């Protein structure tokens, strides 16, 4: 099984050899670096908060905007160059003079 692609996991045929090791976490030394997390899915941020860390090192803003507003920011910037099928999005996602206001208000609600 591989979860390297993010939220979607893939299961592959066959078996891999592995060795299970157990460690007592309270006997491990404190690492000499701050452990920070990459968060691209804001809905998972609270789940990640329960894992010991020193904060968010990188939040992929385009992922957060896409998740919370429902459209990737680049699609708004290059709307005219999208094919007709992709341009057939809900009216709230179509760029207009009020797109900036809609964008900011939807982001603020998140």
PDB file of N, CA and C in Angstrom:
ATOM      1  N   UNK A   1       0.844  -1.163   0.000  1.00  0.00           N
ATOM      2  CA  UNK A   1       0.000   0.000   0.000  1.00  0.00           C
ATOM      3  C   UNK A   1       0.895   1.234   0.000  1.00  0.00           C
ATOM      4  N   UNK A   2       0.515   2.233  -0.774  1.00  0.00           N
ATOM      5  CA  UNK A   2       1.249   3.490  -0.820  1.00  0.00           C
ATOM      6  C   UNK A   2       0.274   4.645  -0.614  1.00  0.00           C
ATOM      7  N   UNK A   3       0.620   5.537   0.298  1.00  0.00           N
ATOM      8  CA  UNK A   3      -0.168   6.763   0.526  1.00  0.00           C
ATOM      9  C   UNK A   3       0.664   7.981   0.147  1.00  0.00           C
ATOM     10  N   UNK A   4       1.651   7.787  -0.711  1.00  0.00           N
ATOM     11  CA  UNK A   4       2.558   8.864  -1.094  1.00  0.00           C
ATOM     12  C   UNK A   4       1.876   9.954  -1.906  1.00  0.00           C
ATOM     13  N   UNK A   5       0.693   9.670  -2.467  1.00  0.00           N
ATOM     14  CA  UNK A   5       0.003  10.644  -3.304  1.00  0.00           C
ATOM     15  C   UNK A   5      -0.888  11.594  -2.496  1.00  0.00           C
ATOM     16  N   UNK A   6      -0.913  11.480  -1.189  1.00  0.00           N
ATOM     17  CA  UNK A   6      -1.736  12.375  -0.374  1.00  0.00           C
ATOM     18  C   UNK A   6      -2.892  11.647   0.265  1.00  0.00           C
ATOM     19  N   UNK A   7      -4.111  12.137   0.063  1.00  0.00           N
ATOM     20  CA  UNK A   7      -5.287  11.562   0.706  1.00  0.00           C
ATOM     21  C   UNK A   7      -5.701  10.227   0.105  1.00  0.00           C
ATOM     22  N   UNK A   8      -5.210   9.892  -1.087  1.00  0.00           N
ATOM     23  CA  UNK A   8      -5.600   8.661  -1.774  1.00  0.00           C
ATOM     24  C   UNK A   8      -4.502   7.620  -1.639  1.00  0.00           C
ATOM     25  N   UNK A   9      -4.883   6.424  -1.210  1.00  0.00           N
ATOM     26  CA  UNK A   9      -3.921   5.346  -1.098  1.00  0.00           C
ATOM     27  C   UNK A   9      -4.080   4.360  -2.237  1.00  0.00           C
ATOM     28  N   UNK A  10      -3.022   3.686  -2.606  1.00  0.00           N
ATOM     29  CA  UNK A  10      -3.056   2.674  -3.657  1.00  0.00           C
ATOM     30  C   UNK A  10      -2.583   1.353  -3.069  1.00  0.00           C
ATOM     31  N   UNK A  11      -3.264   0.272  -3.434  1.00  0.00           N
ATOM     32  CA  UNK A  11      -2.895  -1.065  -2.983  1.00  0.00           C
ATOM     33  C   UNK A  11      -2.310  -1.812  -4.169  1.00  0.00           C
ATOM     34  N   UNK A  12      -1.133  -2.389  -3.970  1.00  0.00           N
ATOM     35  CA  UNK A  12      -0.449  -3.106  -5.032  1.00  0.00           C
ATOM     36  C   UNK A  12      -0.435  -4.600  -4.724  1.00  0.00           C
ATOM     37  N   UNK A  13      -0.412  -5.428  -5.773  1.00  0.00           N
ATOM     38  CA  UNK A  13      -0.398  -6.879  -5.630  1.00  0.00           C
ATOM     39  C   UNK A  13       0.984  -7.333  -5.159  1.00  0.00           C
ATOM     40  N   UNK A  14       0.986  -8.336  -4.309  1.00  0.00           N
ATOM     41  CA  UNK A  14       2.246  -8.900  -3.852  1.00  0.00           C
ATOM     42  C   UNK A  14       2.529  -8.564  -2.399  1.00  0.00           C
ATOM     43  N   UNK A  15       3.629  -9.097  -1.913  1.00  0.00           N
ATOM     44  CA  UNK A  15       4.030  -8.869  -0.525  1.00  0.00           C
ATOM     45  C   UNK A  15       5.456  -8.351  -0.486  1.00  0.00           C
ATOM     46  N   UNK A  16       5.709  -7.480   0.442  1.00  0.00           N
ATOM     47  CA  UNK A  16       7.060  -6.991   0.687  1.00  0.00           C
ATOM     48  C   UNK A  16       7.540  -7.532   2.023  1.00  0.00           C
ATOM     49  N   UNK A  17       8.791  -7.888   2.082  1.00  0.00           N
ATOM     50  CA  UNK A  17       9.377  -8.302   3.352  1.00  0.00           C
ATOM     51  C   UNK A  17       9.513  -7.063   4.236  1.00  0.00           C
ATOM     52  N   UNK A  18       9.270  -7.245   5.525  1.00  0.00           N
ATOM     53  CA  UNK A  18       9.442  -6.138   6.463  1.00  0.00           C
ATOM     54  C   UNK A  18       9.798  -6.690   7.830  1.00  0.00           C
ATOM     55  N   UNK A  19      10.318  -5.826   8.648  1.00  0.00           N
ATOM     56  CA  UNK A  19      10.681  -6.183  10.009  1.00  0.00           C
ATOM     57  C   UNK A  19      10.016  -5.191  10.937  1.00  0.00           C
ATOM     58  N   UNK A  20       9.335  -5.689  11.936  1.00  0.00           N
ATOM     59  CA  UNK A  20       8.648  -4.815  12.899  1.00  0.00           C
ATOM     60  C   UNK A  20       9.593  -4.520  14.058  1.00  0.00           C
ATOM     61  N   UNK A  21       9.711  -3.241  14.374  1.00  0.00           N
ATOM     62  CA  UNK A  21      10.508  -2.824  15.516  1.00  0.00           C
ATOM     63  C   UNK A  21       9.620  -2.002  16.435  1.00  0.00           C
ATOM     64  N   UNK A  22       9.753  -2.195  17.715  1.00  0.00           N
ATOM     65  CA  UNK A  22       9.012  -1.372  18.670  1.00  0.00           C
ATOM     66  C   UNK A  22      10.012  -0.584  19.501  1.00  0.00           C
ATOM     67  N   UNK A  23       9.622   0.624  19.846  1.00  0.00           N
ATOM     68  CA  UNK A  23      10.490   1.501  20.639  1.00  0.00           C
ATOM     69  C   UNK A  23       9.655   2.168  21.712  1.00  0.00           C
ATOM     70  N   UNK A  24      10.262   2.424  22.827  1.00  0.00           N
ATOM     71  CA  UNK A  24       9.604   3.183  23.876  1.00  0.00           C
ATOM     72  C   UNK A  24       9.841   4.673  23.585  1.00  0.00           C
ATOM     73  N   UNK A  25       8.765   5.387  23.293  1.00  0.00           N
ATOM     74  CA  UNK A  25       8.909   6.790  22.914  1.00  0.00           C
ATOM     75  C   UNK A  25       9.509   7.642  24.026  1.00  0.00           C
ATOM     76  N   UNK A  26       9.230   7.301  25.279  1.00  0.00           N
ATOM     77  CA  UNK A  26       9.752   8.124  26.373  1.00  0.00           C
ATOM     78  C   UNK A  26      11.254   7.963  26.576  1.00  0.00           C
ATOM     79  N   UNK A  27      11.866   6.952  25.936  1.00  0.00           N
ATOM     80  CA  UNK A  27      13.316   6.771  26.057  1.00  0.00           C
ATOM     81  C   UNK A  27      14.076   7.370  24.872  1.00  0.00           C
ATOM     82  N   UNK A  28      13.353   7.872  23.899  1.00  0.00           N
ATOM     83  CA  UNK A  28      14.016   8.450  22.723  1.00  0.00           C
ATOM     84  C   UNK A  28      14.535   9.844  23.049  1.00  0.00           C
ATOM     85  N   UNK A  29      15.699  10.203  22.523  1.00  0.00           N
ATOM     86  CA  UNK A  29      16.225  11.547  22.780  1.00  0.00           C
ATOM     87  C   UNK A  29      15.410  12.613  22.035  1.00  0.00           C
ATOM     88  N   UNK A  30      15.419  13.816  22.547  1.00  0.00           N
ATOM     89  CA  UNK A  30      14.754  14.929  21.875  1.00  0.00           C
ATOM     90  C   UNK A  30      15.547  15.274  20.626  1.00  0.00           C
ATOM     91  N   UNK A  31      14.891  15.360  19.479  1.00  0.00           N
ATOM     92  CA  UNK A  31      15.644  15.678  18.255  1.00  0.00           C
ATOM     93  C   UNK A  31      16.222  17.102  18.324  1.00  0.00           C
ATOM     94  N   UNK A  32      17.352  17.332  17.680  1.00  0.00           N
ATOM     95  CA  UNK A  32      17.998  18.650  17.741  1.00  0.00           C
ATOM     96  C   UNK A  32      17.373  19.676  16.791  1.00  0.00           C
ATOM     97  N   UNK A  33      16.246  19.334  16.199  1.00  0.00           N
ATOM     98  CA  UNK A  33      15.571  20.239  15.259  1.00  0.00           C
ATOM     99  C   UNK A  33      14.106  20.362  15.656  1.00  0.00           C
ATOM    100  N   UNK A  34      13.458  21.424  15.198  1.00  0.00           N
ATOM    101  CA  UNK A  34      12.030  21.585  15.418  1.00  0.00           C
ATOM    102  C   UNK A  34      11.288  20.800  14.333  1.00  0.00           C
ATOM    103  N   UNK A  35      10.370  19.962  14.753  1.00  0.00           N
ATOM    104  CA  UNK A  35       9.569  19.185  13.813  1.00  0.00           C
ATOM    105  C   UNK A  35       8.333  20.016  13.472  1.00  0.00           C
ATOM    106  N   UNK A  36       8.220  20.383  12.201  1.00  0.00           N
ATOM    107  CA  UNK A  36       7.086  21.175  11.740  1.00  0.00           C
ATOM    108  C   UNK A  36       6.323  20.364  10.708  1.00  0.00           C
ATOM    109  N   UNK A  37       5.068  20.738  10.473  1.00  0.00           N
ATOM    110  CA  UNK A  37       4.195  19.958   9.608  1.00  0.00           C
ATOM    111  C   UNK A  37       3.824  20.739   8.355  1.00  0.00           C
ATOM    112  N   UNK A  38       3.656  20.009   7.259  1.00  0.00           N
ATOM    113  CA  UNK A  38       3.115  20.577   6.029  1.00  0.00           C
ATOM    114  C   UNK A  38       1.632  20.265   5.988  1.00  0.00           C
ATOM    115  N   UNK A  39       0.802  21.272   5.870  1.00  0.00           N
ATOM    116  CA  UNK A  39      -0.645  21.074   5.856  1.00  0.00           C
ATOM    117  C   UNK A  39      -1.220  21.681   4.588  1.00  0.00           C
ATOM    118  N   UNK A  40      -1.851  20.859   3.765  1.00  0.00           N
ATOM    119  CA  UNK A  40      -2.507  21.349   2.568  1.00  0.00           C
ATOM    120  C   UNK A  40      -4.012  21.208   2.648  1.00  0.00           C
ATOM    121  N   UNK A  41      -4.488  20.448   3.610  1.00  0.00           N
ATOM    122  CA  UNK A  41      -5.917  20.225   3.780  1.00  0.00           C
ATOM    123  C   UNK A  41      -6.327  20.817   5.119  1.00  0.00           C
ATOM    124  N   UNK A  42      -6.970  21.988   5.120  1.00  0.00           N
ATOM    125  CA  UNK A  42      -7.285  22.660   6.381  1.00  0.00           C
ATOM    126  C   UNK A  42      -8.207  21.865   7.290  1.00  0.00           C
ATOM    127  N   UNK A  43      -9.017  20.967   6.723  1.00  0.00           N
ATOM    128  CA  UNK A  43      -9.904  20.155   7.546  1.00  0.00           C
ATOM    129  C   UNK A  43      -9.116  19.162   8.402  1.00  0.00           C
ATOM    130  N   UNK A  44      -7.913  18.834   7.998  1.00  0.00           N
ATOM    131  CA  UNK A  44      -7.077  17.894   8.749  1.00  0.00           C
ATOM    132  C   UNK A  44      -6.168  18.597   9.749  1.00  0.00           C
ATOM    133  N   UNK A  45      -6.146  19.927   9.735  1.00  0.00           N
ATOM    134  CA  UNK A  45      -5.233  20.678  10.594  1.00  0.00           C
ATOM    135  C   UNK A  45      -5.433  20.336  12.070  1.00  0.00           C
ATOM    136  N   UNK A  46      -6.677  20.188  12.515  1.00  0.00           N
ATOM    137  CA  UNK A  46      -6.919  19.863  13.911  1.00  0.00           C
ATOM    138  C   UNK A  46      -6.466  18.442  14.234  1.00  0.00           C
ATOM    139  N   UNK A  47      -6.581  17.527  13.265  1.00  0.00           N
ATOM    140  CA  UNK A  47      -6.057  16.175  13.473  1.00  0.00           C
ATOM    141  C   UNK A  47      -4.550  16.235  13.679  1.00  0.00           C
ATOM    142  N   UNK A  48      -3.876  17.023  12.862  1.00  0.00           N
ATOM    143  CA  UNK A  48      -2.425  17.133  12.956  1.00  0.00           C
ATOM    144  C   UNK A  48      -1.988  17.847  14.230  1.00  0.00           C
ATOM    145  N   UNK A  49      -2.852  18.682  14.789  1.00  0.00           N
ATOM    146  CA  UNK A  49      -2.505  19.420  16.007  1.00  0.00           C
ATOM    147  C   UNK A  49      -2.251  18.473  17.182  1.00  0.00           C
ATOM    148  N   UNK A  50      -2.843  17.279  17.149  1.00  0.00           N
ATOM    149  CA  UNK A  50      -2.655  16.338  18.250  1.00  0.00           C
ATOM    150  C   UNK A  50      -1.315  15.599  18.165  1.00  0.00           C
ATOM    151  N   UNK A  51      -0.631  15.724  17.041  1.00  0.00           N
ATOM    152  CA  UNK A  51       0.685  15.105  16.869  1.00  0.00           C
ATOM    153  C   UNK A  51       1.728  16.095  17.377  1.00  0.00           C
ATOM    154  N   UNK A  52       2.661  15.655  18.228  1.00  0.00           N
ATOM    155  CA  UNK A  52       3.667  16.601  18.732  1.00  0.00           C
ATOM    156  C   UNK A  52       4.441  17.254  17.583  1.00  0.00           C
ATOM    157  N   UNK A  53       4.427  18.563  17.553  1.00  0.00           N
ATOM    158  CA  UNK A  53       5.148  19.310  16.515  1.00  0.00           C
ATOM    159  C   UNK A  53       5.364  20.735  16.992  1.00  0.00           C
ATOM    160  N   UNK A  54       6.144  21.487  16.243  1.00  0.00           N
ATOM    161  CA  UNK A  54       6.428  22.888  16.569  1.00  0.00           C
ATOM    162  C   UNK A  54       5.686  23.849  15.652  1.00  0.00           C
ATOM    163  N   UNK A  55       4.633  23.394  14.993  1.00  0.00           N
ATOM    164  CA  UNK A  55       3.829  24.277  14.154  1.00  0.00           C
ATOM    165  C   UNK A  55       3.818  23.864  12.700  1.00  0.00           C
ATOM    166  N   UNK A  56       3.177  24.701  11.899  1.00  0.00           N
ATOM    167  CA  UNK A  56       3.063  24.452  10.472  1.00  0.00           C
ATOM    168  C   UNK A  56       4.214  25.150   9.776  1.00  0.00           C
ATOM    169  N   UNK A  57       5.011  24.372   9.061  1.00  0.00           N
ATOM    170  CA  UNK A  57       6.149  24.936   8.351  1.00  0.00           C
ATOM    171  C   UNK A  57       5.774  25.474   6.985  1.00  0.00           C
ATOM    172  N   UNK A  58       4.756  24.888   6.365  1.00  0.00           N
ATOM    173  CA  UNK A  58       4.354  25.297   5.028  1.00  0.00           C
ATOM    174  C   UNK A  58       2.896  24.931   4.836  1.00  0.00           C
ATOM    175  N   UNK A  59       2.079  25.894   4.544  1.00  0.00           N
ATOM    176  CA  UNK A  59       0.683  25.627   4.208  1.00  0.00           C
ATOM    177  C   UNK A  59       0.529  25.962   2.732  1.00  0.00           C
ATOM    178  N   UNK A  60       0.201  24.981   1.909  1.00  0.00           N
ATOM    179  CA  UNK A  60       0.059  25.205   0.475  1.00  0.00           C
ATOM    180  C   UNK A  60      -1.206  26.020   0.242  1.00  0.00           C
ATOM    181  N   UNK A  61      -1.045  27.326   0.112  1.00  0.00           N
ATOM    182  CA  UNK A  61      -2.177  28.237   0.022  1.00  0.00           C
ATOM    183  C   UNK A  61      -3.116  27.890  -1.120  1.00  0.00           C
ATOM    184  N   UNK A  62      -2.576  27.468  -2.274  1.00  0.00           N
ATOM    185  CA  UNK A  62      -3.465  27.153  -3.387  1.00  0.00           C
ATOM    186  C   UNK A  62      -4.348  25.953  -3.070  1.00  0.00           C
ATOM    187  N   UNK A  63      -3.839  25.000  -2.267  1.00  0.00           N
ATOM    188  CA  UNK A  63      -4.658  23.859  -1.860  1.00  0.00           C
ATOM    189  C   UNK A  63      -5.750  24.303  -0.894  1.00  0.00           C
ATOM    190  N   UNK A  64      -5.386  25.176   0.043  1.00  0.00           N
ATOM    191  CA  UNK A  64      -6.364  25.671   1.011  1.00  0.00           C
ATOM    192  C   UNK A  64      -7.452  26.466   0.293  1.00  0.00           C
ATOM    193  N   UNK A  65      -7.060  27.327  -0.631  1.00  0.00           N
ATOM    194  CA  UNK A  65      -8.040  28.118  -1.388  1.00  0.00           C
ATOM    195  C   UNK A  65      -8.930  27.188  -2.202  1.00  0.00           C
ATOM    196  N   UNK A  66      -8.334  26.235  -2.884  1.00  0.00           N
ATOM    197  CA  UNK A  66      -9.108  25.290  -3.693  1.00  0.00           C
ATOM    198  C   UNK A  66     -10.099  24.523  -2.831  1.00  0.00           C
ATOM    199  N   UNK A  67      -9.665  24.088  -1.671  1.00  0.00           N
ATOM    200  CA  UNK A  67     -10.519  23.297  -0.777  1.00  0.00           C
ATOM    201  C   UNK A  67     -11.650  24.139  -0.180  1.00  0.00           C
ATOM    202  N   UNK A  68     -11.341  25.365   0.240  1.00  0.00           N
ATOM    203  CA  UNK A  68     -12.321  26.183   0.941  1.00  0.00           C
ATOM    204  C   UNK A  68     -13.230  26.960  -0.006  1.00  0.00           C
ATOM    205  N   UNK A  69     -12.733  27.354  -1.155  1.00  0.00           N
ATOM    206  CA  UNK A  69     -13.525  28.155  -2.090  1.00  0.00           C
ATOM    207  C   UNK A  69     -14.079  27.290  -3.213  1.00  0.00           C
ATOM    208  N   UNK A  70     -13.390  26.205  -3.515  1.00  0.00           N
ATOM    209  CA  UNK A  70     -13.900  25.277  -4.511  1.00  0.00           C
ATOM    210  C   UNK A  70     -13.333  25.467  -5.892  1.00  0.00           C
ATOM    211  N   UNK A  71     -12.318  26.289  -6.018  1.00  0.00           N
ATOM    212  CA  UNK A  71     -11.687  26.478  -7.325  1.00  0.00           C
ATOM    213  C   UNK A  71     -10.222  26.838  -7.091  1.00  0.00           C
ATOM    214  N   UNK A  72      -9.362  26.308  -7.939  1.00  0.00           N
ATOM    215  CA  UNK A  72      -7.939  26.619  -7.832  1.00  0.00           C
ATOM    216  C   UNK A  72      -7.726  28.062  -8.266  1.00  0.00           C
ATOM    217  N   UNK A  73      -6.924  28.843  -7.542  1.00  0.00           N
ATOM    218  CA  UNK A  73      -6.742  30.258  -7.897  1.00  0.00           C
ATOM    219  C   UNK A  73      -6.213  30.475  -9.311  1.00  0.00           C
ATOM    220  N   UNK A  74      -5.420  29.543  -9.814  1.00  0.00           N
ATOM    221  CA  UNK A  74      -4.884  29.694 -11.173  1.00  0.00           C
ATOM    222  C   UNK A  74      -6.006  29.610 -12.204  1.00  0.00           C
ATOM    223  N   UNK A  75      -7.039  28.802 -11.919  1.00  0.00           N
ATOM    224  CA  UNK A  75      -8.178  28.706 -12.838  1.00  0.00           C
ATOM    225  C   UNK A  75      -8.894  30.042 -12.942  1.00  0.00           C
ATOM    226  N   UNK A  76      -8.912  30.813 -11.871  1.00  0.00           N
ATOM    227  CA  UNK A  76      -9.513  32.151 -11.930  1.00  0.00           C
ATOM    228  C   UNK A  76      -8.657  33.101 -12.750  1.00  0.00           C
ATOM    229  N   UNK A  77      -7.347  33.004 -12.557  1.00  0.00           N
ATOM    230  CA  UNK A  77      -6.431  33.903 -13.264  1.00  0.00           C
ATOM    231  C   UNK A  77      -6.398  33.625 -14.764  1.00  0.00           C
ATOM    232  N   UNK A  78      -6.555  32.366 -15.156  1.00  0.00           N
ATOM    233  CA  UNK A  78      -6.444  31.985 -16.564  1.00  0.00           C
ATOM    234  C   UNK A  78      -7.756  31.420 -17.094  1.00  0.00           C
ATOM    235  N   UNK A  79      -8.860  31.955 -16.610  1.00  0.00           N
ATOM    236  CA  UNK A  79     -10.182  31.432 -16.950  1.00  0.00           C
ATOM    237  C   UNK A  79     -10.420  31.398 -18.457  1.00  0.00           C
ATOM    238  N   UNK A  80     -10.057  32.455 -19.167  1.00  0.00           N
ATOM    239  CA  UNK A  80     -10.313  32.536 -20.612  1.00  0.00           C
ATOM    240  C   UNK A  80      -9.552  31.488 -21.404  1.00  0.00           C
ATOM    241  N   UNK A  81      -8.439  30.990 -20.873  1.00  0.00           N
ATOM    242  CA  UNK A  81      -7.654  29.994 -21.609  1.00  0.00           C
ATOM    243  C   UNK A  81      -8.124  28.555 -21.324  1.00  0.00           C
ATOM    244  N   UNK A  82      -9.058  28.362 -20.398  1.00  0.00           N
ATOM    245  CA  UNK A  82      -9.583  27.028 -20.106  1.00  0.00           C
ATOM    246  C   UNK A  82     -10.498  26.570 -21.235  1.00  0.00           C
ATOM    247  N   UNK A  83     -10.586  25.257 -21.467  1.00  0.00           N
ATOM    248  CA  UNK A  83     -11.506  24.782 -22.497  1.00  0.00           C
ATOM    249  C   UNK A  83     -12.946  24.986 -22.020  1.00  0.00           C
ATOM    250  N   UNK A  84     -13.866  24.950 -22.943  1.00  0.00           N
ATOM    251  CA  UNK A  84     -15.274  25.276 -22.667  1.00  0.00           C
ATOM    252  C   UNK A  84     -15.865  24.406 -21.562  1.00  0.00           C
ATOM    253  N   UNK A  85     -15.484  23.142 -21.516  1.00  0.00           N
ATOM    254  CA  UNK A  85     -16.014  22.242 -20.490  1.00  0.00           C
ATOM    255  C   UNK A  85     -15.616  22.710 -19.090  1.00  0.00           C
ATOM    256  N   UNK A  86     -14.367  23.138 -18.950  1.00  0.00           N
ATOM    257  CA  UNK A  86     -13.912  23.635 -17.653  1.00  0.00           C
ATOM    258  C   UNK A  86     -14.499  24.998 -17.321  1.00  0.00           C
ATOM    259  N   UNK A  87     -14.798  25.798 -18.349  1.00  0.00           N
ATOM    260  CA  UNK A  87     -15.395  27.102 -18.095  1.00  0.00           C
ATOM    261  C   UNK A  87     -16.844  26.988 -17.628  1.00  0.00           C
ATOM    262  N   UNK A  88     -17.445  25.822 -17.814  1.00  0.00           N
ATOM    263  CA  UNK A  88     -18.843  25.620 -17.406  1.00  0.00           C
ATOM    264  C   UNK A  88     -18.910  25.342 -15.906  1.00  0.00           C
ATOM    265  N   UNK A  89     -18.385  26.262 -15.132  1.00  0.00           N
ATOM    266  CA  UNK A  89     -18.362  26.130 -13.673  1.00  0.00           C
ATOM    267  C   UNK A  89     -19.506  26.940 -13.081  1.00  0.00           C
ATOM    268  N   UNK A  90     -19.824  26.735 -11.806  1.00  0.00           N
ATOM    269  CA  UNK A  90     -20.865  27.558 -11.190  1.00  0.00           C
ATOM    270  C   UNK A  90     -20.558  29.048 -11.329  1.00  0.00           C
ATOM    271  N   UNK A  91     -21.594  29.856 -11.410  1.00  0.00           N
ATOM    272  CA  UNK A  91     -21.433  31.298 -11.635  1.00  0.00           C
ATOM    273  C   UNK A  91     -20.533  31.951 -10.597  1.00  0.00           C
ATOM    274  N   UNK A  92     -20.556  31.467  -9.373  1.00  0.00           N
ATOM    275  CA  UNK A  92     -19.724  32.070  -8.324  1.00  0.00           C
ATOM    276  C   UNK A  92     -18.239  31.913  -8.617  1.00  0.00           C
ATOM    277  N   UNK A  93     -17.883  30.951  -9.442  1.00  0.00           N
ATOM    278  CA  UNK A  93     -16.476  30.720  -9.759  1.00  0.00           C
ATOM    279  C   UNK A  93     -16.037  31.442 -11.029  1.00  0.00           C
ATOM    280  N   UNK A  94     -16.976  32.004 -11.763  1.00  0.00           N
ATOM    281  CA  UNK A  94     -16.603  32.712 -12.986  1.00  0.00           C
ATOM    282  C   UNK A  94     -16.014  34.078 -12.627  1.00  0.00           C
ATOM    283  N   UNK A  95     -14.857  34.415 -13.179  1.00  0.00           N
ATOM    284  CA  UNK A  95     -14.280  35.717 -12.881  1.00  0.00           C
ATOM    285  C   UNK A  95     -15.182  36.855 -13.375  1.00  0.00           C
ATOM    286  N   UNK A  96     -15.284  37.861 -12.578  1.00  0.00           N
ATOM    287  CA  UNK A  96     -16.044  39.052 -12.942  1.00  0.00           C
ATOM    288  C   UNK A  96     -15.475  40.212 -12.138  1.00  0.00           C
ATOM    289  N   UNK A  97     -16.119  41.378 -12.257  1.00  0.00           N
ATOM    290  CA  UNK A  97     -15.628  42.514 -11.481  1.00  0.00           C
ATOM    291  C   UNK A  97     -15.752  42.259  -9.981  1.00  0.00           C
ATOM    292  N   UNK A  98     -16.686  41.403  -9.597  1.00  0.00           N
ATOM    293  CA  UNK A  98     -16.847  41.140  -8.172  1.00  0.00           C
ATOM    294  C   UNK A  98     -16.115  39.878  -7.708  1.00  0.00           C
ATOM    295  N   UNK A  99     -15.359  39.233  -8.599  1.00  0.00           N
ATOM    296  CA  UNK A  99     -14.651  38.010  -8.231  1.00  0.00           C
ATOM    297  C   UNK A  99     -13.762  38.229  -7.018  1.00  0.00           C
ATOM    298  N   UNK A 100     -13.031  39.324  -6.991  1.00  0.00           N
ATOM    299  CA  UNK A 100     -12.149  39.610  -5.859  1.00  0.00           C
ATOM    300  C   UNK A 100     -12.908  39.679  -4.555  1.00  0.00           C
ATOM    301  N   UNK A 101     -14.079  40.323  -4.566  1.00  0.00           N
ATOM    302  CA  UNK A 101     -14.890  40.428  -3.348  1.00  0.00           C
ATOM    303  C   UNK A 101     -15.425  39.060  -2.928  1.00  0.00           C
ATOM    304  N   UNK A 102     -15.913  38.290  -3.901  1.00  0.00           N
ATOM    305  CA  UNK A 102     -16.426  36.947  -3.603  1.00  0.00           C
ATOM    306  C   UNK A 102     -15.304  36.077  -3.059  1.00  0.00           C
ATOM    307  N   UNK A 103     -14.173  36.118  -3.726  1.00  0.00           N
ATOM    308  CA  UNK A 103     -13.007  35.342  -3.326  1.00  0.00           C
ATOM    309  C   UNK A 103     -12.627  35.663  -1.882  1.00  0.00           C
ATOM    310  N   UNK A 104     -12.498  36.954  -1.560  1.00  0.00           N
ATOM    311  CA  UNK A 104     -12.085  37.368  -0.213  1.00  0.00           C
ATOM    312  C   UNK A 104     -13.135  37.009   0.833  1.00  0.00           C
ATOM    313  N   UNK A 105     -14.424  37.187   0.507  1.00  0.00           N
ATOM    314  CA  UNK A 105     -15.456  36.880   1.497  1.00  0.00           C
ATOM    315  C   UNK A 105     -15.541  35.373   1.748  1.00  0.00           C
ATOM    316  N   UNK A 106     -15.422  34.554   0.703  1.00  0.00           N
ATOM    317  CA  UNK A 106     -15.461  33.096   0.883  1.00  0.00           C
ATOM    318  C   UNK A 106     -14.234  32.620   1.677  1.00  0.00           C
ATOM    319  N   UNK A 107     -13.076  33.208   1.413  1.00  0.00           N
ATOM    320  CA  UNK A 107     -11.883  32.836   2.139  1.00  0.00           C
ATOM    321  C   UNK A 107     -12.006  33.259   3.607  1.00  0.00           C
ATOM    322  N   UNK A 108     -12.582  34.436   3.854  1.00  0.00           N
ATOM    323  CA  UNK A 108     -12.759  34.923   5.220  1.00  0.00           C
ATOM    324  C   UNK A 108     -13.729  34.027   6.002  1.00  0.00           C
ATOM    325  N   UNK A 109     -14.750  33.495   5.312  1.00  0.00           N
ATOM    326  CA  UNK A 109     -15.701  32.590   5.978  1.00  0.00           C
ATOM    327  C   UNK A 109     -15.016  31.315   6.420  1.00  0.00           C
ATOM    328  N   UNK A 110     -14.018  30.896   5.659  1.00  0.00           N
ATOM    329  CA  UNK A 110     -13.329  29.645   5.982  1.00  0.00           C
ATOM    330  C   UNK A 110     -12.557  29.831   7.257  1.00  0.00           C
TER     331      UNK A 110
END
